[in-house]
């Protein structure tokens, strides 16, 4: 009897035996959600997903502030090392600092 090849669609799904962290019920911020998903693969949680309907208001306001040229250059170097935009890095850092300041740390 000739060997049969099983196509990708016909292959039985394997059970993922890798232990995974539970998905939090909610995240306190976008940064917290981003950190979770930066360190976890959605592929490992696909069985826990479902379609949802909703609207997201992705509009945002842009504020301009002046930076010293040398600080801007260093910011660019830091953001490049971390693989994110300077804007993202500034938002993450300012969120951390403002949150800590408001908590009295």
PDB file of N, CA and C in Angstrom:
ATOM      1  N   UNK A   1       0.848  -1.170   0.000  1.00  0.00           N
ATOM      2  CA  UNK A   1       0.000   0.000   0.000  1.00  0.00           C
ATOM      3  C   UNK A   1       0.896   1.237   0.000  1.00  0.00           C
ATOM      4  N   UNK A   2       0.681   2.186  -0.933  1.00  0.00           N
ATOM      5  CA  UNK A   2       1.540   3.370  -0.985  1.00  0.00           C
ATOM      6  C   UNK A   2       1.308   4.287   0.214  1.00  0.00           C
ATOM      7  N   UNK A   3       2.367   4.991   0.609  1.00  0.00           N
ATOM      8  CA  UNK A   3       2.260   5.939   1.723  1.00  0.00           C
ATOM      9  C   UNK A   3       1.394   7.119   1.312  1.00  0.00           C
ATOM     10  N   UNK A   4       0.597   7.611   2.240  1.00  0.00           N
ATOM     11  CA  UNK A   4      -0.255   8.765   1.959  1.00  0.00           C
ATOM     12  C   UNK A   4       0.317   9.982   2.660  1.00  0.00           C
ATOM     13  N   UNK A   5       0.275  11.075   1.978  1.00  0.00           N
ATOM     14  CA  UNK A   5       0.700  12.337   2.591  1.00  0.00           C
ATOM     15  C   UNK A   5      -0.535  13.032   3.134  1.00  0.00           C
ATOM     16  N   UNK A   6      -0.399  13.547   4.303  1.00  0.00           N
ATOM     17  CA  UNK A   6      -1.507  14.286   4.908  1.00  0.00           C
ATOM     18  C   UNK A   6      -1.215  15.763   4.744  1.00  0.00           C
ATOM     19  N   UNK A   7      -2.118  16.496   4.139  1.00  0.00           N
ATOM     20  CA  UNK A   7      -1.962  17.940   3.967  1.00  0.00           C
ATOM     21  C   UNK A   7      -2.135  18.667   5.279  1.00  0.00           C
ATOM     22  N   UNK A   8      -1.699  19.912   5.313  1.00  0.00           N
ATOM     23  CA  UNK A   8      -1.769  20.716   6.538  1.00  0.00           C
ATOM     24  C   UNK A   8      -3.197  20.808   7.060  1.00  0.00           C
ATOM     25  N   UNK A   9      -4.182  20.918   6.172  1.00  0.00           N
ATOM     26  CA  UNK A   9      -5.570  21.049   6.610  1.00  0.00           C
ATOM     27  C   UNK A   9      -6.116  19.743   7.159  1.00  0.00           C
ATOM     28  N   UNK A  10      -5.520  18.629   6.773  1.00  0.00           N
ATOM     29  CA  UNK A  10      -6.022  17.333   7.194  1.00  0.00           C
ATOM     30  C   UNK A  10      -5.300  16.792   8.428  1.00  0.00           C
ATOM     31  N   UNK A  11      -4.201  17.438   8.805  1.00  0.00           N
ATOM     32  CA  UNK A  11      -3.436  16.980   9.954  1.00  0.00           C
ATOM     33  C   UNK A  11      -4.222  17.149  11.237  1.00  0.00           C
ATOM     34  N   UNK A  12      -4.197  16.149  12.074  1.00  0.00           N
ATOM     35  CA  UNK A  12      -4.880  16.330  13.357  1.00  0.00           C
ATOM     36  C   UNK A  12      -4.137  17.375  14.189  1.00  0.00           C
ATOM     37  N   UNK A  13      -4.896  18.181  14.925  1.00  0.00           N
ATOM     38  CA  UNK A  13      -4.266  19.216  15.758  1.00  0.00           C
ATOM     39  C   UNK A  13      -3.597  18.570  16.960  1.00  0.00           C
ATOM     40  N   UNK A  14      -2.420  19.034  17.251  1.00  0.00           N
ATOM     41  CA  UNK A  14      -1.711  18.550  18.430  1.00  0.00           C
ATOM     42  C   UNK A  14      -2.123  19.369  19.636  1.00  0.00           C
ATOM     43  N   UNK A  15      -2.198  18.728  20.752  1.00  0.00           N
ATOM     44  CA  UNK A  15      -2.476  19.432  22.002  1.00  0.00           C
ATOM     45  C   UNK A  15      -1.206  20.158  22.417  1.00  0.00           C
ATOM     46  N   UNK A  16      -1.352  21.413  22.790  1.00  0.00           N
ATOM     47  CA  UNK A  16      -0.204  22.199  23.235  1.00  0.00           C
ATOM     48  C   UNK A  16       0.068  21.844  24.692  1.00  0.00           C
ATOM     49  N   UNK A  17       1.154  21.148  24.930  1.00  0.00           N
ATOM     50  CA  UNK A  17       1.476  20.699  26.281  1.00  0.00           C
ATOM     51  C   UNK A  17       2.290  21.726  27.048  1.00  0.00           C
ATOM     52  N   UNK A  18       2.669  22.806  26.380  1.00  0.00           N
ATOM     53  CA  UNK A  18       3.448  23.856  27.023  1.00  0.00           C
ATOM     54  C   UNK A  18       2.581  24.573  28.056  1.00  0.00           C
ATOM     55  N   UNK A  19       3.106  24.716  29.268  1.00  0.00           N
ATOM     56  CA  UNK A  19       2.367  25.423  30.306  1.00  0.00           C
ATOM     57  C   UNK A  19       2.333  26.899  29.942  1.00  0.00           C
ATOM     58  N   UNK A  20       1.195  27.521  30.091  1.00  0.00           N
ATOM     59  CA  UNK A  20       1.067  28.923  29.739  1.00  0.00           C
ATOM     60  C   UNK A  20       0.455  29.711  30.883  1.00  0.00           C
ATOM     61  N   UNK A  21       0.840  30.980  30.956  1.00  0.00           N
ATOM     62  CA  UNK A  21       0.264  31.876  31.954  1.00  0.00           C
ATOM     63  C   UNK A  21      -1.184  32.163  31.574  1.00  0.00           C
ATOM     64  N   UNK A  22      -2.056  32.338  32.559  1.00  0.00           N
ATOM     65  CA  UNK A  22      -3.424  32.700  32.208  1.00  0.00           C
ATOM     66  C   UNK A  22      -3.476  34.133  31.671  1.00  0.00           C
ATOM     67  N   UNK A  23      -4.415  34.377  30.774  1.00  0.00           N
ATOM     68  CA  UNK A  23      -4.622  35.737  30.289  1.00  0.00           C
ATOM     69  C   UNK A  23      -5.325  36.508  31.403  1.00  0.00           C
ATOM     70  N   UNK A  24      -4.812  37.660  31.791  1.00  0.00           N
ATOM     71  CA  UNK A  24      -5.491  38.438  32.840  1.00  0.00           C
ATOM     72  C   UNK A  24      -6.919  38.797  32.440  1.00  0.00           C
ATOM     73  N   UNK A  25      -7.803  38.874  33.412  1.00  0.00           N
ATOM     74  CA  UNK A  25      -9.191  39.266  33.150  1.00  0.00           C
ATOM     75  C   UNK A  25      -9.248  40.656  32.534  1.00  0.00           C
ATOM     76  N   UNK A  26      -8.362  41.543  32.991  1.00  0.00           N
ATOM     77  CA  UNK A  26      -8.292  42.892  32.431  1.00  0.00           C
ATOM     78  C   UNK A  26      -6.882  43.419  32.639  1.00  0.00           C
ATOM     79  N   UNK A  27      -6.568  44.448  31.905  1.00  0.00           N
ATOM     80  CA  UNK A  27      -5.274  45.111  32.030  1.00  0.00           C
ATOM     81  C   UNK A  27      -5.531  46.520  32.537  1.00  0.00           C
ATOM     82  N   UNK A  28      -4.643  47.017  33.380  1.00  0.00           N
ATOM     83  CA  UNK A  28      -4.852  48.355  33.938  1.00  0.00           C
ATOM     84  C   UNK A  28      -4.462  49.447  32.960  1.00  0.00           C
ATOM     85  N   UNK A  29      -3.728  49.082  31.907  1.00  0.00           N
ATOM     86  CA  UNK A  29      -3.325  50.079  30.921  1.00  0.00           C
ATOM     87  C   UNK A  29      -2.978  49.389  29.609  1.00  0.00           C
ATOM     88  N   UNK A  30      -2.895  50.179  28.565  1.00  0.00           N
ATOM     89  CA  UNK A  30      -2.477  49.652  27.268  1.00  0.00           C
ATOM     90  C   UNK A  30      -1.044  49.137  27.380  1.00  0.00           C
ATOM     91  N   UNK A  31      -0.215  49.845  28.139  1.00  0.00           N
ATOM     92  CA  UNK A  31       1.183  49.424  28.313  1.00  0.00           C
ATOM     93  C   UNK A  31       1.257  48.045  28.971  1.00  0.00           C
ATOM     94  N   UNK A  32       0.387  47.787  29.943  1.00  0.00           N
ATOM     95  CA  UNK A  32       0.382  46.480  30.612  1.00  0.00           C
ATOM     96  C   UNK A  32      -0.049  45.374  29.641  1.00  0.00           C
ATOM     97  N   UNK A  33      -1.056  45.648  28.830  1.00  0.00           N
ATOM     98  CA  UNK A  33      -1.490  44.671  27.827  1.00  0.00           C
ATOM     99  C   UNK A  33      -0.385  44.431  26.810  1.00  0.00           C
ATOM    100  N   UNK A  34       0.258  45.505  26.383  1.00  0.00           N
ATOM    101  CA  UNK A  34       1.346  45.373  25.409  1.00  0.00           C
ATOM    102  C   UNK A  34       2.478  44.542  25.980  1.00  0.00           C
ATOM    103  N   UNK A  35       2.804  44.759  27.245  1.00  0.00           N
ATOM    104  CA  UNK A  35       3.881  43.985  27.872  1.00  0.00           C
ATOM    105  C   UNK A  35       3.528  42.501  27.919  1.00  0.00           C
ATOM    106  N   UNK A  36       2.281  42.186  28.262  1.00  0.00           N
ATOM    107  CA  UNK A  36       1.858  40.789  28.308  1.00  0.00           C
ATOM    108  C   UNK A  36       2.017  40.148  26.932  1.00  0.00           C
ATOM    109  N   UNK A  37       1.487  40.806  25.890  1.00  0.00           N
ATOM    110  CA  UNK A  37       1.518  40.216  24.554  1.00  0.00           C
ATOM    111  C   UNK A  37       2.892  40.298  23.910  1.00  0.00           C
ATOM    112  N   UNK A  38       3.756  41.186  24.390  1.00  0.00           N
ATOM    113  CA  UNK A  38       5.144  41.191  23.923  1.00  0.00           C
ATOM    114  C   UNK A  38       5.880  39.945  24.397  1.00  0.00           C
ATOM    115  N   UNK A  39       5.419  39.386  25.513  1.00  0.00           N
ATOM    116  CA  UNK A  39       6.097  38.234  26.116  1.00  0.00           C
ATOM    117  C   UNK A  39       5.343  36.911  25.943  1.00  0.00           C
ATOM    118  N   UNK A  40       4.209  36.941  25.267  1.00  0.00           N
ATOM    119  CA  UNK A  40       3.403  35.746  25.044  1.00  0.00           C
ATOM    120  C   UNK A  40       2.948  35.717  23.596  1.00  0.00           C
ATOM    121  N   UNK A  41       2.822  34.523  23.044  1.00  0.00           N
ATOM    122  CA  UNK A  41       2.374  34.365  21.667  1.00  0.00           C
ATOM    123  C   UNK A  41       0.870  34.128  21.623  1.00  0.00           C
ATOM    124  N   UNK A  42       0.174  34.879  20.781  1.00  0.00           N
ATOM    125  CA  UNK A  42      -1.259  34.671  20.619  1.00  0.00           C
ATOM    126  C   UNK A  42      -1.556  33.252  20.145  1.00  0.00           C
ATOM    127  N   UNK A  43      -0.631  32.670  19.410  1.00  0.00           N
ATOM    128  CA  UNK A  43      -0.815  31.298  18.931  1.00  0.00           C
ATOM    129  C   UNK A  43      -1.014  30.324  20.097  1.00  0.00           C
ATOM    130  N   UNK A  44      -0.392  30.591  21.228  1.00  0.00           N
ATOM    131  CA  UNK A  44      -0.541  29.716  22.395  1.00  0.00           C
ATOM    132  C   UNK A  44      -1.905  29.868  23.075  1.00  0.00           C
ATOM    133  N   UNK A  45      -2.631  30.929  22.735  1.00  0.00           N
ATOM    134  CA  UNK A  45      -3.907  31.233  23.390  1.00  0.00           C
ATOM    135  C   UNK A  45      -5.075  31.227  22.405  1.00  0.00           C
ATOM    136  N   UNK A  46      -4.814  30.805  21.159  1.00  0.00           N
ATOM    137  CA  UNK A  46      -5.833  30.901  20.118  1.00  0.00           C
ATOM    138  C   UNK A  46      -7.123  30.181  20.504  1.00  0.00           C
ATOM    139  N   UNK A  47      -7.007  29.068  21.230  1.00  0.00           N
ATOM    140  CA  UNK A  47      -8.193  28.318  21.636  1.00  0.00           C
ATOM    141  C   UNK A  47      -9.063  29.080  22.637  1.00  0.00           C
ATOM    142  N   UNK A  48      -8.533  30.139  23.213  1.00  0.00           N
ATOM    143  CA  UNK A  48      -9.287  30.933  24.187  1.00  0.00           C
ATOM    144  C   UNK A  48      -9.889  32.197  23.563  1.00  0.00           C
ATOM    145  N   UNK A  49      -9.723  32.372  22.265  1.00  0.00           N
ATOM    146  CA  UNK A  49     -10.229  33.580  21.623  1.00  0.00           C
ATOM    147  C   UNK A  49     -11.615  33.357  21.051  1.00  0.00           C
ATOM    148  N   UNK A  50     -12.319  34.445  20.845  1.00  0.00           N
ATOM    149  CA  UNK A  50     -13.619  34.398  20.182  1.00  0.00           C
ATOM    150  C   UNK A  50     -13.857  35.758  19.526  1.00  0.00           C
ATOM    151  N   UNK A  51     -14.721  35.760  18.553  1.00  0.00           N
ATOM    152  CA  UNK A  51     -15.013  36.995  17.830  1.00  0.00           C
ATOM    153  C   UNK A  51     -15.857  37.914  18.703  1.00  0.00           C
ATOM    154  N   UNK A  52     -15.532  39.187  18.671  1.00  0.00           N
ATOM    155  CA  UNK A  52     -16.325  40.181  19.381  1.00  0.00           C
ATOM    156  C   UNK A  52     -16.664  41.315  18.418  1.00  0.00           C
ATOM    157  N   UNK A  53     -17.744  41.964  18.693  1.00  0.00           N
ATOM    158  CA  UNK A  53     -18.132  43.119  17.902  1.00  0.00           C
ATOM    159  C   UNK A  53     -18.041  44.344  18.807  1.00  0.00           C
ATOM    160  N   UNK A  54     -17.571  45.417  18.248  1.00  0.00           N
ATOM    161  CA  UNK A  54     -17.457  46.631  19.035  1.00  0.00           C
ATOM    162  C   UNK A  54     -16.835  47.736  18.204  1.00  0.00           C
ATOM    163  N   UNK A  55     -16.757  48.891  18.792  1.00  0.00           N
ATOM    164  CA  UNK A  55     -16.151  50.032  18.132  1.00  0.00           C
ATOM    165  C   UNK A  55     -14.991  50.522  18.978  1.00  0.00           C
ATOM    166  N   UNK A  56     -13.963  50.909  18.304  1.00  0.00           N
ATOM    167  CA  UNK A  56     -12.798  51.457  18.986  1.00  0.00           C
ATOM    168  C   UNK A  56     -12.546  52.841  18.442  1.00  0.00           C
ATOM    169  N   UNK A  57     -12.424  53.794  19.333  1.00  0.00           N
ATOM    170  CA  UNK A  57     -12.080  55.146  18.918  1.00  0.00           C
ATOM    171  C   UNK A  57     -10.568  55.260  18.989  1.00  0.00           C
ATOM    172  N   UNK A  58      -9.940  55.153  17.838  1.00  0.00           N
ATOM    173  CA  UNK A  58      -8.474  55.171  17.790  1.00  0.00           C
ATOM    174  C   UNK A  58      -7.921  56.578  17.596  1.00  0.00           C
ATOM    175  N   UNK A  59      -8.796  57.565  17.637  1.00  0.00           N
ATOM    176  CA  UNK A  59      -8.291  58.933  17.476  1.00  0.00           C
ATOM    177  C   UNK A  59      -7.524  59.325  18.735  1.00  0.00           C
ATOM    178  N   UNK A  60      -6.562  60.155  18.548  1.00  0.00           N
ATOM    179  CA  UNK A  60      -5.781  60.609  19.685  1.00  0.00           C
ATOM    180  C   UNK A  60      -5.317  62.012  19.422  1.00  0.00           C
ATOM    181  N   UNK A  61      -4.918  62.663  20.456  1.00  0.00           N
ATOM    182  CA  UNK A  61      -4.420  64.025  20.334  1.00  0.00           C
ATOM    183  C   UNK A  61      -2.904  63.995  20.388  1.00  0.00           C
ATOM    184  N   UNK A  62      -2.302  64.882  19.672  1.00  0.00           N
ATOM    185  CA  UNK A  62      -0.854  64.994  19.646  1.00  0.00           C
ATOM    186  C   UNK A  62      -0.473  66.296  20.328  1.00  0.00           C
ATOM    187  N   UNK A  63       0.453  66.214  21.256  1.00  0.00           N
ATOM    188  CA  UNK A  63       0.944  67.386  21.957  1.00  0.00           C
ATOM    189  C   UNK A  63       2.406  67.584  21.598  1.00  0.00           C
ATOM    190  N   UNK A  64       2.800  68.816  21.440  1.00  0.00           N
ATOM    191  CA  UNK A  64       4.169  69.128  21.049  1.00  0.00           C
ATOM    192  C   UNK A  64       4.897  69.730  22.235  1.00  0.00           C
ATOM    193  N   UNK A  65       6.110  69.269  22.447  1.00  0.00           N
ATOM    194  CA  UNK A  65       6.951  69.840  23.491  1.00  0.00           C
ATOM    195  C   UNK A  65       8.376  69.928  22.970  1.00  0.00           C
ATOM    196  N   UNK A  66       9.125  70.865  23.498  1.00  0.00           N
ATOM    197  CA  UNK A  66      10.505  71.061  23.032  1.00  0.00           C
ATOM    198  C   UNK A  66      11.459  70.151  23.800  1.00  0.00           C
ATOM    199  N   UNK A  67      12.442  69.620  23.089  1.00  0.00           N
ATOM    200  CA  UNK A  67      13.500  68.818  23.693  1.00  0.00           C
ATOM    201  C   UNK A  67      14.841  69.416  23.312  1.00  0.00           C
ATOM    202  N   UNK A  68      15.783  69.276  24.193  1.00  0.00           N
ATOM    203  CA  UNK A  68      17.150  69.664  23.860  1.00  0.00           C
ATOM    204  C   UNK A  68      17.632  68.747  22.741  1.00  0.00           C
ATOM    205  N   UNK A  69      18.374  69.265  21.769  1.00  0.00           N
ATOM    206  CA  UNK A  69      18.845  68.423  20.661  1.00  0.00           C
ATOM    207  C   UNK A  69      19.629  67.192  21.114  1.00  0.00           C
ATOM    208  N   UNK A  70      20.470  67.338  22.125  1.00  0.00           N
ATOM    209  CA  UNK A  70      21.258  66.186  22.587  1.00  0.00           C
ATOM    210  C   UNK A  70      20.362  65.126  23.231  1.00  0.00           C
ATOM    211  N   UNK A  71      19.324  65.574  23.936  1.00  0.00           N
ATOM    212  CA  UNK A  71      18.379  64.637  24.544  1.00  0.00           C
ATOM    213  C   UNK A  71      17.594  63.913  23.456  1.00  0.00           C
ATOM    214  N   UNK A  72      17.187  64.626  22.427  1.00  0.00           N
ATOM    215  CA  UNK A  72      16.457  64.017  21.318  1.00  0.00           C
ATOM    216  C   UNK A  72      17.307  62.946  20.639  1.00  0.00           C
ATOM    217  N   UNK A  73      18.587  63.224  20.475  1.00  0.00           N
ATOM    218  CA  UNK A  73      19.493  62.253  19.845  1.00  0.00           C
ATOM    219  C   UNK A  73      19.610  60.998  20.714  1.00  0.00           C
ATOM    220  N   UNK A  74      19.776  61.181  22.020  1.00  0.00           N
ATOM    221  CA  UNK A  74      19.878  60.040  22.931  1.00  0.00           C
ATOM    222  C   UNK A  74      18.577  59.232  22.954  1.00  0.00           C
ATOM    223  N   UNK A  75      17.464  59.936  22.897  1.00  0.00           N
ATOM    224  CA  UNK A  75      16.161  59.273  22.853  1.00  0.00           C
ATOM    225  C   UNK A  75      16.053  58.398  21.611  1.00  0.00           C
ATOM    226  N   UNK A  76      16.504  58.915  20.487  1.00  0.00           N
ATOM    227  CA  UNK A  76      16.489  58.151  19.246  1.00  0.00           C
ATOM    228  C   UNK A  76      17.339  56.899  19.346  1.00  0.00           C
ATOM    229  N   UNK A  77      18.502  57.013  19.989  1.00  0.00           N
ATOM    230  CA  UNK A  77      19.381  55.854  20.171  1.00  0.00           C
ATOM    231  C   UNK A  77      18.713  54.801  21.054  1.00  0.00           C
ATOM    232  N   UNK A  78      18.100  55.249  22.146  1.00  0.00           N
ATOM    233  CA  UNK A  78      17.422  54.320  23.062  1.00  0.00           C
ATOM    234  C   UNK A  78      16.257  53.616  22.376  1.00  0.00           C
ATOM    235  N   UNK A  79      15.464  54.379  21.643  1.00  0.00           N
ATOM    236  CA  UNK A  79      14.293  53.775  20.998  1.00  0.00           C
ATOM    237  C   UNK A  79      14.713  52.780  19.919  1.00  0.00           C
ATOM    238  N   UNK A  80      15.803  53.097  19.211  1.00  0.00           N
ATOM    239  CA  UNK A  80      16.298  52.179  18.181  1.00  0.00           C
ATOM    240  C   UNK A  80      16.758  50.865  18.817  1.00  0.00           C
ATOM    241  N   UNK A  81      17.465  50.952  19.942  1.00  0.00           N
ATOM    242  CA  UNK A  81      17.924  49.744  20.651  1.00  0.00           C
ATOM    243  C   UNK A  81      16.760  48.867  21.093  1.00  0.00           C
ATOM    244  N   UNK A  82      15.670  49.524  21.487  1.00  0.00           N
ATOM    245  CA  UNK A  82      14.519  48.772  21.988  1.00  0.00           C
ATOM    246  C   UNK A  82      13.552  48.380  20.872  1.00  0.00           C
ATOM    247  N   UNK A  83      13.812  48.851  19.678  1.00  0.00           N
ATOM    248  CA  UNK A  83      12.979  48.465  18.544  1.00  0.00           C
ATOM    249  C   UNK A  83      11.600  49.096  18.530  1.00  0.00           C
ATOM    250  N   UNK A  84      11.499  50.281  19.115  1.00  0.00           N
ATOM    251  CA  UNK A  84      10.222  50.998  19.121  1.00  0.00           C
ATOM    252  C   UNK A  84      10.459  52.423  18.651  1.00  0.00           C
ATOM    253  N   UNK A  85       9.394  53.114  18.360  1.00  0.00           N
ATOM    254  CA  UNK A  85       9.538  54.507  17.958  1.00  0.00           C
ATOM    255  C   UNK A  85       9.867  55.369  19.171  1.00  0.00           C
ATOM    256  N   UNK A  86      10.451  56.521  18.909  1.00  0.00           N
ATOM    257  CA  UNK A  86      10.755  57.464  19.992  1.00  0.00           C
ATOM    258  C   UNK A  86       9.456  57.879  20.683  1.00  0.00           C
ATOM    259  N   UNK A  87       8.392  58.056  19.906  1.00  0.00           N
ATOM    260  CA  UNK A  87       7.099  58.441  20.465  1.00  0.00           C
ATOM    261  C   UNK A  87       6.597  57.386  21.456  1.00  0.00           C
ATOM    262  N   UNK A  88       6.690  56.117  21.084  1.00  0.00           N
ATOM    263  CA  UNK A  88       6.255  55.038  21.973  1.00  0.00           C
ATOM    264  C   UNK A  88       7.082  55.016  23.244  1.00  0.00           C
ATOM    265  N   UNK A  89       8.388  55.137  23.094  1.00  0.00           N
ATOM    266  CA  UNK A  89       9.272  55.107  24.254  1.00  0.00           C
ATOM    267  C   UNK A  89       8.982  56.271  25.202  1.00  0.00           C
ATOM    268  N   UNK A  90       8.782  57.456  24.663  1.00  0.00           N
ATOM    269  CA  UNK A  90       8.451  58.619  25.498  1.00  0.00           C
ATOM    270  C   UNK A  90       7.146  58.378  26.238  1.00  0.00           C
ATOM    271  N   UNK A  91       6.138  57.853  25.554  1.00  0.00           N
ATOM    272  CA  UNK A  91       4.856  57.591  26.206  1.00  0.00           C
ATOM    273  C   UNK A  91       4.981  56.560  27.318  1.00  0.00           C
ATOM    274  N   UNK A  92       5.736  55.502  27.082  1.00  0.00           N
ATOM    275  CA  UNK A  92       5.923  54.474  28.115  1.00  0.00           C
ATOM    276  C   UNK A  92       6.662  55.061  29.314  1.00  0.00           C
ATOM    277  N   UNK A  93       7.774  55.741  29.054  1.00  0.00           N
ATOM    278  CA  UNK A  93       8.563  56.314  30.149  1.00  0.00           C
ATOM    279  C   UNK A  93       7.774  57.366  30.933  1.00  0.00           C
ATOM    280  N   UNK A  94       7.083  58.245  30.229  1.00  0.00           N
ATOM    281  CA  UNK A  94       6.315  59.273  30.938  1.00  0.00           C
ATOM    282  C   UNK A  94       5.177  58.654  31.740  1.00  0.00           C
ATOM    283  N   UNK A  95       4.541  57.636  31.198  1.00  0.00           N
ATOM    284  CA  UNK A  95       3.472  56.952  31.940  1.00  0.00           C
ATOM    285  C   UNK A  95       4.019  56.365  33.232  1.00  0.00           C
ATOM    286  N   UNK A  96       5.181  55.702  33.154  1.00  0.00           N
ATOM    287  CA  UNK A  96       5.794  55.123  34.354  1.00  0.00           C
ATOM    288  C   UNK A  96       6.143  56.200  35.373  1.00  0.00           C
ATOM    289  N   UNK A  97       6.765  57.285  34.921  1.00  0.00           N
ATOM    290  CA  UNK A  97       7.199  58.342  35.838  1.00  0.00           C
ATOM    291  C   UNK A  97       6.015  59.071  36.466  1.00  0.00           C
ATOM    292  N   UNK A  98       5.010  59.401  35.668  1.00  0.00           N
ATOM    293  CA  UNK A  98       3.847  60.119  36.191  1.00  0.00           C
ATOM    294  C   UNK A  98       3.072  59.232  37.164  1.00  0.00           C
ATOM    295  N   UNK A  99       2.900  57.966  36.829  1.00  0.00           N
ATOM    296  CA  UNK A  99       2.217  57.023  37.726  1.00  0.00           C
ATOM    297  C   UNK A  99       2.956  56.924  39.056  1.00  0.00           C
ATOM    298  N   UNK A 100       4.266  56.784  39.005  1.00  0.00           N
ATOM    299  CA  UNK A 100       5.068  56.701  40.237  1.00  0.00           C
ATOM    300  C   UNK A 100       4.968  57.995  41.038  1.00  0.00           C
ATOM    301  N   UNK A 101       5.009  59.132  40.356  1.00  0.00           N
ATOM    302  CA  UNK A 101       4.935  60.425  41.044  1.00  0.00           C
ATOM    303  C   UNK A 101       3.580  60.595  41.741  1.00  0.00           C
ATOM    304  N   UNK A 102       2.525  60.159  41.087  1.00  0.00           N
ATOM    305  CA  UNK A 102       1.191  60.282  41.677  1.00  0.00           C
ATOM    306  C   UNK A 102       0.982  59.309  42.841  1.00  0.00           C
ATOM    307  N   UNK A 103       1.757  58.228  42.840  1.00  0.00           N
ATOM    308  CA  UNK A 103       1.662  57.261  43.939  1.00  0.00           C
ATOM    309  C   UNK A 103       2.630  57.607  45.062  1.00  0.00           C
ATOM    310  N   UNK A 104       3.379  58.683  44.889  1.00  0.00           N
ATOM    311  CA  UNK A 104       4.303  59.133  45.925  1.00  0.00           C
ATOM    312  C   UNK A 104       5.589  58.339  46.003  1.00  0.00           C
ATOM    313  N   UNK A 105       5.990  57.694  44.906  1.00  0.00           N
ATOM    314  CA  UNK A 105       7.213  56.886  44.918  1.00  0.00           C
ATOM    315  C   UNK A 105       8.394  57.726  44.539  1.00  0.00           C
TER     316      UNK A 105
END
